[in-house]
Amino acid sequence: MQVSIWNDWICQLNATMRLKGRKILLLVDNTSVHTLYEGIELTNIEIKFLPPNTTMHLQPCDKGIINSFKAHYQKLLIQNRIKAFDFQQETGNNKTDSQDGIEENDHEEMEENECSEI
């Protein structure tokens, strides 16, 4: 995440909480991304930071969840790159990013499957 994304998100959350008439406490870790730009005033959110180097101890499930997510992401990434390589071999397309062709090919396969089911 980037600081700009964090600031956009926290401002949107603050606006949502203001519309709902709610005040919340948000606990976040001490990553450098969690810094607010000067001039941002949060009226309905109070941010408290966890003590340094305690996230892993306070949220032990995160390690398993994050590892599971990383493994799933890497699997999908490898599958995507294999499809891109196969597509490049079949079509002779030398573009470095063959994702568009893969998506078109997947879409055509999906349409063929839907037509054969009818």
C-alpha atoms as a PDB file:
ATOM      1  CA  MET A   1       0.000   0.000   0.000  1.00  0.00           C
ATOM      2  CA  GLN A   2       1.102   3.558  -0.563  1.00  0.00           C
ATOM      3  CA  VAL A   3       0.688   6.548   1.719  1.00  0.00           C
ATOM      4  CA  SER A   4      -1.631   8.186  -0.832  1.00  0.00           C
ATOM      5  CA  ILE A   5      -3.906   5.121  -0.928  1.00  0.00           C
ATOM      6  CA  TRP A   6      -3.969   4.990   2.882  1.00  0.00           C
ATOM      7  CA  ASN A   7      -4.883   8.680   3.106  1.00  0.00           C
ATOM      8  CA  ASP A   8      -7.622   8.369   0.476  1.00  0.00           C
ATOM      9  CA  TRP A   9      -9.056   5.312   2.208  1.00  0.00           C
ATOM     10  CA  ILE A  10      -8.959   6.802   5.711  1.00  0.00           C
ATOM     11  CA  CYS A  11     -10.657  10.008   4.475  1.00  0.00           C
ATOM     12  CA  GLN A  12     -13.399   7.963   2.791  1.00  0.00           C
ATOM     13  CA  LEU A  13     -13.863   5.903   5.941  1.00  0.00           C
ATOM     14  CA  ASN A  14     -14.056   9.075   8.026  1.00  0.00           C
ATOM     15  CA  ALA A  15     -16.721  10.505   5.691  1.00  0.00           C
ATOM     16  CA  THR A  16     -18.719   7.265   5.884  1.00  0.00           C
ATOM     17  CA  MET A  17     -18.544   7.233   9.681  1.00  0.00           C
ATOM     18  CA  ARG A  18     -19.577  10.899   9.794  1.00  0.00           C
ATOM     19  CA  LEU A  19     -22.637  10.162   7.591  1.00  0.00           C
ATOM     20  CA  LYS A  20     -23.584   7.232   9.831  1.00  0.00           C
ATOM     21  CA  GLY A  21     -23.049   9.299  12.972  1.00  0.00           C
ATOM     22  CA  ARG A  22     -20.455   6.864  14.307  1.00  0.00           C
ATOM     23  CA  LYS A  23     -17.109   7.401  15.966  1.00  0.00           C
ATOM     24  CA  ILE A  24     -14.585   4.568  15.780  1.00  0.00           C
ATOM     25  CA  LEU A  25     -11.193   3.595  17.135  1.00  0.00           C
ATOM     26  CA  LEU A  26      -8.856   2.173  14.499  1.00  0.00           C
ATOM     27  CA  LEU A  27      -5.890   0.079  15.642  1.00  0.00           C
ATOM     28  CA  VAL A  28      -3.067  -0.041  13.091  1.00  0.00           C
ATOM     29  CA  ASP A  29       0.500  -1.265  13.077  1.00  0.00           C
ATOM     30  CA  ASN A  30       3.477   1.060  12.842  1.00  0.00           C
ATOM     31  CA  THR A  31       4.227   0.667   9.177  1.00  0.00           C
ATOM     32  CA  SER A  32       5.471   3.822   7.476  1.00  0.00           C
ATOM     33  CA  VAL A  33       2.455   3.762   5.160  1.00  0.00           C
ATOM     34  CA  HIS A  34       0.137   4.621   8.041  1.00  0.00           C
ATOM     35  CA  THR A  35       1.085   8.286   8.125  1.00  0.00           C
ATOM     36  CA  LEU A  36      -1.453  11.021   7.522  1.00  0.00           C
ATOM     37  CA  TYR A  37      -0.804  14.001   5.296  1.00  0.00           C
ATOM     38  CA  GLU A  38      -0.611  17.358   7.032  1.00  0.00           C
ATOM     39  CA  GLY A  39      -3.979  19.037   7.258  1.00  0.00           C
ATOM     40  CA  ILE A  40      -6.053  15.869   7.347  1.00  0.00           C
ATOM     41  CA  GLU A  41      -8.405  16.063  10.292  1.00  0.00           C
ATOM     42  CA  LEU A  42     -10.303  12.937  11.201  1.00  0.00           C
ATOM     43  CA  THR A  43     -13.440  13.903  13.084  1.00  0.00           C
ATOM     44  CA  ASN A  44     -14.950  10.437  13.484  1.00  0.00           C
ATOM     45  CA  ILE A  45     -11.887   8.197  13.597  1.00  0.00           C
ATOM     46  CA  GLU A  46      -9.311   7.971  16.333  1.00  0.00           C
ATOM     47  CA  ILE A  47      -6.169   6.147  15.236  1.00  0.00           C
ATOM     48  CA  LYS A  48      -4.054   4.291  17.790  1.00  0.00           C
ATOM     49  CA  PHE A  49      -0.833   2.555  16.834  1.00  0.00           C
ATOM     50  CA  LEU A  50       0.206  -0.832  18.120  1.00  0.00           C
ATOM     51  CA  PRO A  51       3.521  -0.899  19.973  1.00  0.00           C
ATOM     52  CA  PRO A  52       6.518  -1.487  17.677  1.00  0.00           C
ATOM     53  CA  ASN A  53       7.290  -5.091  16.685  1.00  0.00           C
ATOM     54  CA  THR A  54       4.185  -6.538  18.329  1.00  0.00           C
ATOM     55  CA  THR A  55       1.932  -7.176  15.342  1.00  0.00           C
ATOM     56  CA  MET A  56       3.096 -10.773  15.002  1.00  0.00           C
ATOM     57  CA  HIS A  57       2.471 -11.441  18.711  1.00  0.00           C
ATOM     58  CA  LEU A  58      -0.873  -9.648  18.873  1.00  0.00           C
ATOM     59  CA  GLN A  59      -2.190 -11.028  15.591  1.00  0.00           C
ATOM     60  CA  PRO A  60      -0.685 -14.532  15.219  1.00  0.00           C
ATOM     61  CA  CYS A  61      -3.329 -15.540  12.672  1.00  0.00           C
ATOM     62  CA  ASP A  62      -1.997 -12.932  10.258  1.00  0.00           C
ATOM     63  CA  LYS A  63       1.103 -14.986   9.587  1.00  0.00           C
ATOM     64  CA  GLY A  64      -0.906 -17.994   8.411  1.00  0.00           C
ATOM     65  CA  ILE A  65      -3.402 -15.912   6.468  1.00  0.00           C
ATOM     66  CA  ILE A  66      -0.689 -13.889   4.760  1.00  0.00           C
ATOM     67  CA  ASN A  67       1.329 -17.005   3.909  1.00  0.00           C
ATOM     68  CA  SER A  68      -1.781 -18.668   2.509  1.00  0.00           C
ATOM     69  CA  PHE A  69      -2.579 -15.593   0.420  1.00  0.00           C
ATOM     70  CA  LYS A  70       0.997 -15.384  -0.885  1.00  0.00           C
ATOM     71  CA  ALA A  71       0.982 -19.061  -1.859  1.00  0.00           C
ATOM     72  CA  HIS A  72      -2.352 -18.698  -3.660  1.00  0.00           C
ATOM     73  CA  TYR A  73      -1.161 -15.545  -5.436  1.00  0.00           C
ATOM     74  CA  GLN A  74       2.088 -17.192  -6.536  1.00  0.00           C
ATOM     75  CA  LYS A  75       0.149 -20.186  -7.870  1.00  0.00           C
ATOM     76  CA  LEU A  76      -2.126 -17.901  -9.919  1.00  0.00           C
ATOM     77  CA  LEU A  77       0.833 -15.864 -11.141  1.00  0.00           C
ATOM     78  CA  ILE A  78       2.675 -18.979 -12.333  1.00  0.00           C
ATOM     79  CA  GLN A  79      -0.464 -20.298 -14.044  1.00  0.00           C
ATOM     80  CA  ASN A  80      -0.871 -16.943 -15.775  1.00  0.00           C
ATOM     81  CA  ARG A  81       2.725 -16.885 -16.982  1.00  0.00           C
ATOM     82  CA  ILE A  82       2.436 -20.471 -18.269  1.00  0.00           C
ATOM     83  CA  LYS A  83      -0.704 -19.503 -20.201  1.00  0.00           C
ATOM     84  CA  ALA A  84       1.111 -16.452 -21.595  1.00  0.00           C
ATOM     85  CA  PHE A  85       4.040 -18.606 -22.687  1.00  0.00           C
ATOM     86  CA  ASP A  86       1.748 -21.203 -24.288  1.00  0.00           C
ATOM     87  CA  PHE A  87      -0.224 -18.461 -26.039  1.00  0.00           C
ATOM     88  CA  GLN A  88       3.001 -16.947 -27.331  1.00  0.00           C
ATOM     89  CA  GLN A  89       4.160 -20.334 -28.629  1.00  0.00           C
ATOM     90  CA  GLU A  90       0.835 -21.032 -30.351  1.00  0.00           C
ATOM     91  CA  THR A  91       0.362 -17.633 -31.969  1.00  0.00           C
ATOM     92  CA  GLY A  92       3.940 -16.549 -32.521  1.00  0.00           C
ATOM     93  CA  ASN A  93       3.042 -13.343 -30.701  1.00  0.00           C
ATOM     94  CA  ASN A  94       6.275 -11.828 -29.392  1.00  0.00           C
ATOM     95  CA  LYS A  95       4.651  -9.179 -27.196  1.00  0.00           C
ATOM     96  CA  THR A  96       6.069  -9.328 -23.687  1.00  0.00           C
ATOM     97  CA  ASP A  97       2.607  -8.940 -22.192  1.00  0.00           C
ATOM     98  CA  SER A  98       0.303 -11.446 -23.847  1.00  0.00           C
ATOM     99  CA  GLN A  99      -2.376 -11.005 -21.180  1.00  0.00           C
ATOM    100  CA  ASP A 100      -4.866  -9.446 -23.619  1.00  0.00           C
ATOM    101  CA  GLY A 101      -4.632 -12.423 -25.922  1.00  0.00           C
ATOM    102  CA  ILE A 102      -4.956 -14.837 -23.029  1.00  0.00           C
ATOM    103  CA  GLU A 103      -8.085 -13.096 -21.753  1.00  0.00           C
ATOM    104  CA  GLU A 104      -9.589 -13.120 -25.246  1.00  0.00           C
ATOM    105  CA  ASN A 105      -8.727 -16.805 -25.616  1.00  0.00           C
ATOM    106  CA  ASP A 106     -10.236 -17.601 -22.186  1.00  0.00           C
ATOM    107  CA  HIS A 107     -13.368 -15.636 -23.121  1.00  0.00           C
ATOM    108  CA  GLU A 108     -13.710 -17.582 -26.389  1.00  0.00           C
ATOM    109  CA  GLU A 109     -13.285 -20.894 -24.546  1.00  0.00           C
ATOM    110  CA  MET A 110     -15.941 -19.836 -22.033  1.00  0.00           C
ATOM    111  CA  GLU A 111     -18.368 -18.934 -24.824  1.00  0.00           C
ATOM    112  CA  GLU A 112     -17.709 -22.274 -26.533  1.00  0.00           C
ATOM    113  CA  ASN A 113     -18.409 -24.116 -23.277  1.00  0.00           C
ATOM    114  CA  GLU A 114     -21.616 -22.161 -22.739  1.00  0.00           C
ATOM    115  CA  CYS A 115     -22.776 -22.880 -26.302  1.00  0.00           C
ATOM    116  CA  SER A 116     -22.035 -26.593 -25.986  1.00  0.00           C
ATOM    117  CA  GLU A 117     -24.099 -26.768 -22.770  1.00  0.00           C
ATOM    118  CA  ILE A 118     -27.170 -25.427 -24.578  1.00  0.00           C
END
